[in-house]
Amino acid sequence: MSPSPDVRPTVSRRAVLVASALGTSALAGCLGQLEATEGNSTEMAGEWPTYRFDSRNSGYNPDSNGIRDVEHDWTHDIRGTPGLADGEMYLNGSRRDPETGTVQSSVSLELAVQGQPTVTDDYVFVTDIRYLYCLTADAEEVVWESEKVEGIFGGSPTVDGETVFVVHGGGANDYDGTRVRAFDVASGDERWQYDADGRSTPAVVDGTVYVSGQDGLHAIDAESGDERFVVPEPISDWSSPAATADLVYVVTADHDHEEELIAVETADGTVRWRTAAADGMARSGSAPVVAGKLVYATTDEELVALDHADGTVATRFGSGVPVARAGDVLYATKDGRVYAYDAESGDRLWTYTTDEVRGSDTVSQFVTGLTPGDETVYVQAADGFHRLVSSP
């Protein structure tokens, strides 16, 4: 593999221009209930509209242009991981200019937003620790808020058709158990709830919802909420599944055994193959990235592309846990650094290192979120919110 540049932050060429706007933008909106417009679209759309791009948690946008030569644009004191759609950036209940980070509009919510927003053609779905909210696409009004659900700890809402799914509960207070809940997109009415001991972001494909938890991988009928099957593997409750029509992939976590990436048949829950996963991959909450016939994961401390059919290694990369593929560029993170690779050859294109990581001997500093746009990447790290762009 060819050597790659290590990019480090410099003073932003836009930082001075937008600093005052970022500091003085006022929160707008209200919590009044609006009537959903009949016929509004609920299809997810955009450059990166939700956690891992789509309802399957694939982590792959084939139509995007990844960054092959990188340049640091700016770093701001913003917290959260955004969604990108229709030339807008959605973050923490606000709509922002993706080029500057400046707030365009926002709603005032009772508590801090948890997880990444999910953007459809006409709505934006966000959660705090107690409620699921449906916002207008301009992030100026709340269309509806769910009944109190308690304990949404970071998993994002998943929208499929006319239903939005969310996982809640657990934690030190247990919040009366952990559940998957399904709500009507237009009205916010609850359709069903299902007990599952996890905190992951649901994956949905072909009418089945997949949720990982400490007691196994659950397959749930999306329409009725009935159980289809449970794979009794010890799975991290933070590790989200990634699904295709034939297979669903998830990382196991057992304190008595090594972590494994398993591929499960969607037809009946049979485990087709398994391979050793790097220590800590499940605890990072990472789902594998799935792109066509390739599954990107970290095994035995090395990032690899696996053949989807049998788990054999197709390409070896290097450092990092995979988080996204945009076009022909694969992004991975490790220890506060972002790595970009050619998704086919495995060649490292560049590495981005934050000031916090370079300037501190604290090993716990890490990247907590990454959202790729078209020739842009937004990175949430210990020292702030970074925007990376393609070099001219």
Protein backbone atom coordinates (compact mmCIF):
# COMPACT_ATOMS: atom_id res chain seq x y z
CA MET A 1 0.00 0.00 0.00
CA SER A 2 1.26 3.47 -0.83
CA PRO A 3 2.21 6.02 1.85
CA SER A 4 -0.28 8.76 2.66
CA PRO A 5 -0.17 12.29 4.04
CA ASP A 6 -0.98 12.97 7.69
CA VAL A 7 -3.20 16.07 7.72
CA ARG A 8 -3.40 18.25 10.81
CA PRO A 9 -5.75 21.16 11.55
CA THR A 10 -4.79 24.71 10.63
CA VAL A 11 -6.57 27.98 11.29
CA SER A 12 -9.80 27.97 9.33
CA ARG A 13 -10.18 30.39 6.48
CA ARG A 14 -13.84 30.82 7.49
CA ALA A 15 -13.52 30.64 11.28
CA VAL A 16 -13.39 34.40 11.88
CA LEU A 17 -16.28 35.07 9.51
CA VAL A 18 -18.71 32.68 11.14
CA ALA A 19 -17.68 32.73 14.81
CA SER A 20 -20.10 35.46 15.82
CA ALA A 21 -22.98 33.91 13.90
CA LEU A 22 -22.44 30.57 15.62
CA GLY A 23 -22.36 32.19 19.01
CA THR A 24 -25.47 34.33 18.71
CA SER A 25 -27.94 32.24 16.72
CA ALA A 26 -31.06 31.98 18.82
CA LEU A 27 -33.18 28.88 19.15
CA ALA A 28 -36.54 29.17 17.47
CA GLY A 29 -39.69 27.13 17.15
CA CYS A 30 -42.09 25.68 19.66
CA LEU A 31 -43.38 22.36 20.89
CA GLY A 32 -46.87 22.88 19.59
CA GLN A 33 -48.29 19.97 17.62
CA LEU A 34 -48.72 20.53 13.90
CA GLU A 35 -50.89 18.52 11.59
CA ALA A 36 -48.80 16.42 9.21
CA THR A 37 -49.42 17.30 5.59
CA GLU A 38 -51.24 14.50 3.84
CA GLY A 39 -49.14 12.91 1.14
CA ASN A 40 -45.77 14.04 2.51
CA SER A 41 -42.91 11.74 1.61
CA THR A 42 -41.23 9.62 4.27
CA GLU A 43 -38.40 8.27 2.13
CA MET A 44 -34.93 9.00 3.48
CA ALA A 45 -33.03 11.10 0.99
CA GLY A 46 -29.78 13.04 0.77
CA GLU A 47 -26.00 12.72 0.89
CA TRP A 48 -26.08 11.06 4.33
CA PRO A 49 -29.55 11.38 5.88
CA THR A 50 -29.14 9.09 8.87
CA TYR A 51 -26.79 6.93 10.90
CA ARG A 52 -25.00 4.60 8.46
CA PHE A 53 -26.74 6.25 5.49
CA ASP A 54 -29.90 4.13 5.07
CA SER A 55 -32.48 2.03 6.91
CA ARG A 56 -30.27 -1.04 6.44
CA ASN A 57 -27.35 0.57 8.31
CA SER A 58 -25.17 -0.25 5.30
CA GLY A 59 -22.82 2.73 5.78
CA TYR A 60 -22.47 3.03 2.00
CA ASN A 61 -23.50 5.79 -0.41
CA PRO A 62 -22.54 4.61 -3.92
CA ASP A 63 -23.42 7.96 -5.50
CA SER A 64 -21.18 10.13 -3.33
CA ASN A 65 -17.68 11.36 -4.10
CA GLY A 66 -15.28 10.60 -1.29
CA ILE A 67 -12.24 12.74 -0.45
CA ARG A 68 -9.07 11.42 -2.07
CA ASP A 69 -6.90 14.47 -1.21
CA VAL A 70 -7.92 16.19 2.00
CA GLU A 71 -7.77 19.71 3.41
CA HIS A 72 -8.92 20.93 6.82
CA ASP A 73 -11.60 23.63 6.43
CA TRP A 74 -12.65 24.58 9.97
CA THR A 75 -13.21 23.39 13.52
CA HIS A 76 -16.03 24.73 15.72
CA ASP A 77 -17.14 24.10 19.28
CA ILE A 78 -20.24 22.15 18.30
CA ARG A 79 -21.27 18.74 19.66
CA GLY A 80 -23.10 16.04 17.77
CA THR A 81 -23.08 14.06 14.53
CA PRO A 82 -25.09 15.57 11.64
CA GLY A 83 -27.32 14.30 8.88
CA LEU A 84 -26.95 15.75 5.37
CA ALA A 85 -29.79 16.23 2.87
CA ASP A 86 -30.80 18.67 0.13
CA GLY A 87 -27.84 20.98 0.71
CA GLU A 88 -28.59 21.29 4.43
CA MET A 89 -26.90 20.00 7.57
CA TYR A 90 -29.15 18.84 10.41
CA LEU A 91 -27.64 18.73 13.89
CA ASN A 92 -29.14 18.69 17.40
CA GLY A 93 -32.56 19.93 16.35
CA SER A 94 -31.14 22.64 14.09
CA ARG A 95 -30.71 23.21 10.36
CA ARG A 96 -27.28 24.61 9.50
CA ASP A 97 -25.33 25.84 6.52
CA PRO A 98 -23.08 22.87 5.68
CA GLU A 99 -20.30 25.15 4.42
CA THR A 100 -20.02 27.30 7.55
CA GLY A 101 -21.89 25.47 10.31
CA THR A 102 -24.05 28.56 10.90
CA VAL A 103 -27.52 27.93 12.34
CA GLN A 104 -30.32 28.69 9.84
CA SER A 105 -33.22 27.59 12.03
CA SER A 106 -33.86 25.37 15.04
CA VAL A 107 -36.41 24.15 17.54
CA SER A 108 -36.11 24.31 21.31
CA LEU A 109 -36.31 20.86 22.88
CA GLU A 110 -36.54 20.10 26.57
CA LEU A 111 -33.34 18.01 26.74
CA ALA A 112 -30.20 17.46 24.69
CA VAL A 113 -30.58 15.51 21.44
CA GLN A 114 -29.31 11.93 21.53
CA GLY A 115 -27.83 10.19 18.49
CA GLN A 116 -27.87 11.28 14.87
CA PRO A 117 -30.95 12.81 13.19
CA THR A 118 -32.83 10.96 10.47
CA VAL A 119 -33.91 13.08 7.50
CA THR A 120 -36.68 12.22 5.02
CA ASP A 121 -38.00 14.25 2.11
CA ASP A 122 -40.37 16.19 4.37
CA TYR A 123 -39.47 15.46 7.99
CA VAL A 124 -36.54 15.31 10.39
CA PHE A 125 -36.64 12.83 13.29
CA VAL A 126 -34.58 13.39 16.44
CA THR A 127 -34.60 12.02 19.97
CA ASP A 128 -33.68 13.20 23.41
CA ILE A 129 -33.44 10.83 26.35
CA ARG A 130 -37.25 10.83 26.81
CA TYR A 131 -39.00 11.55 23.51
CA LEU A 132 -38.96 10.96 19.77
CA TYR A 133 -39.68 14.15 17.81
CA CYS A 134 -40.84 14.69 14.25
CA LEU A 135 -39.76 18.10 12.92
CA THR A 136 -40.59 19.92 9.71
CA ALA A 137 -37.89 19.71 7.04
CA ASP A 138 -36.89 23.33 7.70
CA ALA A 139 -36.38 22.51 11.41
CA GLU A 140 -38.65 25.35 12.46
CA GLU A 141 -41.59 23.47 13.99
CA VAL A 142 -42.33 20.23 15.84
CA VAL A 143 -44.93 18.19 13.95
CA TRP A 144 -45.39 15.74 16.82
CA GLU A 145 -43.64 14.31 19.84
CA SER A 146 -44.08 10.74 21.02
CA GLU A 147 -45.41 9.73 24.37
CA LYS A 148 -42.72 9.59 27.03
CA VAL A 149 -40.50 6.58 26.32
CA GLU A 150 -37.52 7.10 28.70
CA GLY A 151 -33.95 6.04 28.18
CA ILE A 152 -32.94 6.77 24.57
CA PHE A 153 -29.18 6.52 24.96
CA GLY A 154 -27.74 7.32 21.53
CA GLY A 155 -29.27 5.02 18.96
CA SER A 156 -30.81 6.91 16.03
CA PRO A 157 -34.39 6.59 14.74
CA THR A 158 -34.82 4.41 11.65
CA VAL A 159 -37.50 5.27 9.09
CA ASP A 160 -38.89 2.67 6.70
CA GLY A 161 -42.02 3.50 4.70
CA GLU A 162 -44.68 4.91 7.01
CA THR A 163 -43.07 3.77 10.25
CA VAL A 164 -40.25 5.12 12.43
CA PHE A 165 -38.49 2.73 14.83
CA VAL A 166 -36.53 3.58 17.97
CA VAL A 167 -34.87 1.61 20.79
CA HIS A 168 -35.09 2.87 24.37
CA GLY A 169 -34.65 1.84 28.00
CA GLY A 170 -31.92 0.04 29.91
CA GLY A 171 -29.06 1.82 31.61
CA ALA A 172 -28.40 2.06 35.35
CA ASN A 173 -32.06 2.84 36.05
CA ASP A 174 -33.28 0.16 33.60
CA TYR A 175 -36.28 2.41 32.75
CA ASP A 176 -38.70 -0.50 33.09
CA GLY A 177 -36.89 -2.63 30.54
CA THR A 178 -35.51 -2.10 27.05
CA ARG A 179 -37.86 -2.00 24.07
CA VAL A 180 -38.15 -1.41 20.36
CA ARG A 181 -41.06 0.88 19.55
CA ALA A 182 -42.71 1.58 16.21
CA PHE A 183 -44.54 4.86 15.57
CA ASP A 184 -46.65 6.09 12.67
CA VAL A 185 -44.59 8.64 10.74
CA ALA A 186 -47.47 11.03 10.06
CA SER A 187 -49.26 11.02 13.42
CA GLY A 188 -46.76 9.75 15.99
CA ASP A 189 -49.22 7.10 17.15
CA GLU A 190 -47.57 4.01 18.56
CA ARG A 191 -48.03 0.91 16.39
CA TRP A 192 -46.33 -1.67 18.59
CA GLN A 193 -43.55 -2.32 21.07
CA TYR A 194 -41.22 -5.28 21.51
CA ASP A 195 -38.95 -6.27 24.42
CA ALA A 196 -35.26 -6.49 23.45
CA ASP A 197 -32.26 -5.93 25.70
CA GLY A 198 -30.28 -3.49 23.54
CA ARG A 199 -29.58 0.13 22.65
CA SER A 200 -28.69 -0.17 18.99
CA THR A 201 -30.00 1.62 15.92
CA PRO A 202 -32.48 -0.73 14.21
CA ALA A 203 -31.81 -2.01 10.69
CA VAL A 204 -34.84 -2.59 8.47
CA VAL A 205 -35.02 -4.55 5.22
CA ASP A 206 -37.85 -6.33 3.39
CA GLY A 207 -40.37 -5.88 6.20
CA THR A 208 -38.12 -7.09 9.03
CA VAL A 209 -36.56 -5.03 11.83
CA TYR A 210 -33.21 -6.24 13.21
CA VAL A 211 -32.05 -5.16 16.66
CA SER A 212 -29.03 -6.40 18.59
CA GLY A 213 -28.98 -6.85 22.34
CA GLN A 214 -27.25 -8.68 25.15
CA ASP A 215 -29.61 -11.63 24.73
CA GLY A 216 -29.08 -11.96 20.96
CA LEU A 217 -30.01 -10.65 17.53
CA HIS A 218 -33.75 -10.09 17.21
CA ALA A 219 -35.69 -10.22 13.92
CA ILE A 220 -39.10 -8.54 14.24
CA ASP A 221 -41.96 -8.25 11.78
CA ALA A 222 -42.06 -4.54 10.89
CA GLU A 223 -45.83 -4.47 10.42
CA SER A 224 -47.04 -6.38 13.47
CA GLY A 225 -44.12 -6.29 15.91
CA ASP A 226 -44.19 -10.09 16.17
CA GLU A 227 -40.95 -11.98 16.71
CA ARG A 228 -39.59 -13.77 13.64
CA PHE A 229 -36.53 -15.28 15.27
CA VAL A 230 -33.81 -14.63 17.85
CA VAL A 231 -30.18 -15.63 17.35
CA PRO A 232 -28.97 -16.41 20.91
CA GLU A 233 -25.50 -14.94 20.55
CA PRO A 234 -23.95 -12.67 23.25
CA ILE A 235 -24.10 -9.38 21.36
CA SER A 236 -23.09 -5.96 22.63
CA ASP A 237 -26.18 -3.86 23.27
CA TRP A 238 -24.35 -0.89 21.69
CA SER A 239 -23.45 -2.70 18.45
CA SER A 240 -25.92 -2.06 15.62
CA PRO A 241 -26.64 -4.62 12.91
CA ALA A 242 -26.22 -4.03 9.17
CA ALA A 243 -28.63 -5.91 6.91
CA THR A 244 -29.11 -6.97 3.31
CA ALA A 245 -31.91 -8.98 1.74
CA ASP A 246 -30.07 -12.26 2.45
CA LEU A 247 -27.77 -11.64 5.39
CA VAL A 248 -27.55 -9.49 8.52
CA TYR A 249 -24.16 -8.76 10.07
CA VAL A 250 -23.44 -7.99 13.72
CA VAL A 251 -20.52 -8.12 16.16
CA THR A 252 -20.77 -10.40 19.17
CA ALA A 253 -19.37 -9.52 22.59
CA ASP A 254 -18.78 -12.11 25.28
CA HIS A 255 -16.47 -11.41 28.22
CA ASP A 256 -15.42 -15.08 28.22
CA HIS A 257 -14.70 -15.34 24.50
CA GLU A 258 -13.19 -13.32 21.67
CA GLU A 259 -15.46 -10.96 19.77
CA GLU A 260 -16.72 -12.20 16.42
CA LEU A 261 -18.40 -10.80 13.35
CA ILE A 262 -21.24 -13.11 12.37
CA ALA A 263 -23.34 -13.28 9.19
CA VAL A 264 -26.90 -14.47 9.82
CA GLU A 265 -29.36 -15.78 7.22
CA THR A 266 -32.39 -13.48 7.13
CA ALA A 267 -34.64 -16.40 6.15
CA ASP A 268 -34.35 -18.34 9.40
CA GLY A 269 -31.61 -16.94 11.65
CA THR A 270 -28.98 -19.55 10.77
CA VAL A 271 -25.40 -18.32 11.24
CA ARG A 272 -23.75 -18.72 7.83
CA TRP A 273 -20.21 -17.73 8.85
CA ARG A 274 -18.24 -16.13 11.64
CA THR A 275 -14.80 -14.60 11.94
CA ALA A 276 -12.75 -13.12 14.77
CA ALA A 277 -13.30 -9.40 15.34
CA ALA A 278 -10.79 -6.98 16.83
CA ASP A 279 -10.99 -6.50 20.56
CA GLY A 280 -13.21 -3.53 21.34
CA MET A 281 -15.04 -3.37 18.01
CA ALA A 282 -18.36 -4.25 19.65
CA ARG A 283 -17.78 -1.81 22.51
CA SER A 284 -17.21 0.96 19.99
CA GLY A 285 -20.81 0.48 18.85
CA SER A 286 -19.64 -0.04 15.29
CA ALA A 287 -21.66 -1.83 12.65
CA PRO A 288 -19.74 -3.27 9.71
CA VAL A 289 -19.91 -1.32 6.45
CA VAL A 290 -21.67 -3.28 3.70
CA ALA A 291 -21.14 -2.36 0.05
CA GLY A 292 -22.40 -4.82 -2.54
CA LYS A 293 -20.51 -8.09 -2.10
CA LEU A 294 -18.01 -6.64 0.38
CA VAL A 295 -18.28 -6.36 4.16
CA TYR A 296 -15.76 -4.02 5.81
CA ALA A 297 -14.79 -4.84 9.39
CA THR A 298 -11.82 -4.91 11.74
CA THR A 299 -10.57 -8.42 12.42
CA ASP A 300 -7.46 -9.33 14.44
CA GLU A 301 -6.64 -5.61 14.73
CA GLU A 302 -6.60 -5.12 10.94
CA LEU A 303 -9.19 -3.47 8.73
CA VAL A 304 -10.28 -5.83 5.95
CA ALA A 305 -12.90 -6.28 3.24
CA LEU A 306 -14.61 -9.67 3.51
CA ASP A 307 -16.51 -11.60 0.88
CA HIS A 308 -20.16 -11.38 1.91
CA ALA A 309 -20.87 -15.00 1.01
CA ASP A 310 -18.28 -16.81 3.14
CA GLY A 311 -16.32 -14.23 5.16
CA THR A 312 -12.99 -14.80 3.43
CA VAL A 313 -10.63 -11.82 3.21
CA ALA A 314 -10.82 -10.02 -0.14
CA THR A 315 -8.64 -6.96 0.65
CA ARG A 316 -6.44 -5.86 3.56
CA PHE A 317 -6.24 -2.19 4.52
CA GLY A 318 -4.50 -1.24 7.77
CA SER A 319 -5.52 0.70 10.88
CA GLY A 320 -9.00 1.75 11.89
CA VAL A 321 -12.58 0.65 12.45
CA PRO A 322 -14.70 1.23 9.31
CA VAL A 323 -17.52 3.77 9.66
CA ALA A 324 -18.54 4.77 6.12
CA ARG A 325 -17.93 4.34 2.42
CA ALA A 326 -18.60 7.25 0.05
CA GLY A 327 -18.21 6.23 -3.58
CA ASP A 328 -14.78 4.62 -3.87
CA VAL A 329 -13.42 5.95 -0.56
CA LEU A 330 -13.63 4.05 2.73
CA TYR A 331 -13.42 6.02 5.99
CA ALA A 332 -12.24 4.51 9.26
CA THR A 333 -11.42 5.88 12.73
CA LYS A 334 -9.11 4.88 15.55
CA ASP A 335 -7.65 6.68 18.59
CA GLY A 336 -8.88 10.11 17.49
CA ARG A 337 -7.70 9.77 13.90
CA VAL A 338 -9.58 9.48 10.61
CA TYR A 339 -8.19 7.22 7.88
CA ALA A 340 -9.24 7.28 4.23
CA TYR A 341 -8.59 4.29 1.96
CA ASP A 342 -9.22 3.39 -1.63
CA ALA A 343 -12.18 1.05 -1.10
CA GLU A 344 -11.09 -1.40 -3.79
CA SER A 345 -7.28 -1.55 -3.59
CA GLY A 346 -6.85 -0.92 0.13
CA ASP A 347 -4.29 1.87 -0.44
CA ARG A 348 -4.29 4.51 2.28
CA LEU A 349 -5.11 7.92 0.81
CA TRP A 350 -4.62 10.12 3.89
CA THR A 351 -4.79 10.35 7.68
CA TYR A 352 -6.31 13.21 9.67
CA THR A 353 -5.15 13.77 13.25
CA THR A 354 -6.83 16.22 15.62
CA ASP A 355 -4.96 18.66 17.86
CA GLU A 356 -6.40 17.00 20.96
CA VAL A 357 -4.89 13.66 20.04
CA ARG A 358 -1.53 15.08 18.97
CA GLY A 359 -1.23 17.28 22.05
CA SER A 360 -2.31 14.86 24.75
CA ASP A 361 -1.00 11.60 26.14
CA THR A 362 -4.53 10.63 27.25
CA VAL A 363 -5.35 7.40 25.45
CA SER A 364 -9.11 7.85 25.80
CA GLN A 365 -9.40 10.60 23.17
CA PHE A 366 -11.32 9.38 20.14
CA VAL A 367 -13.58 10.32 17.25
CA THR A 368 -17.22 9.96 18.31
CA GLY A 369 -18.92 10.57 14.97
CA LEU A 370 -18.25 10.90 11.25
CA THR A 371 -20.61 11.97 8.46
CA PRO A 372 -19.39 11.94 4.85
CA GLY A 373 -20.88 14.30 2.29
CA ASP A 374 -19.98 14.85 -1.34
CA GLU A 375 -16.25 15.67 -1.16
CA THR A 376 -16.71 16.67 2.50
CA VAL A 377 -16.42 14.91 5.85
CA TYR A 378 -17.72 16.13 9.21
CA VAL A 379 -15.89 14.74 12.22
CA GLN A 380 -16.93 14.97 15.87
CA ALA A 381 -13.81 14.59 18.02
CA ALA A 382 -12.64 15.39 21.54
CA ASP A 383 -11.51 18.89 20.55
CA GLY A 384 -14.51 19.95 18.45
CA PHE A 385 -16.50 19.56 15.27
CA HIS A 386 -14.29 19.42 12.16
CA ARG A 387 -15.07 19.95 8.49
CA LEU A 388 -12.73 18.35 5.96
CA VAL A 389 -12.93 19.04 2.23
CA SER A 390 -11.23 17.93 -0.98
CA SER A 391 -8.03 19.76 -1.83
CA PRO A 392 -8.30 21.98 -4.92
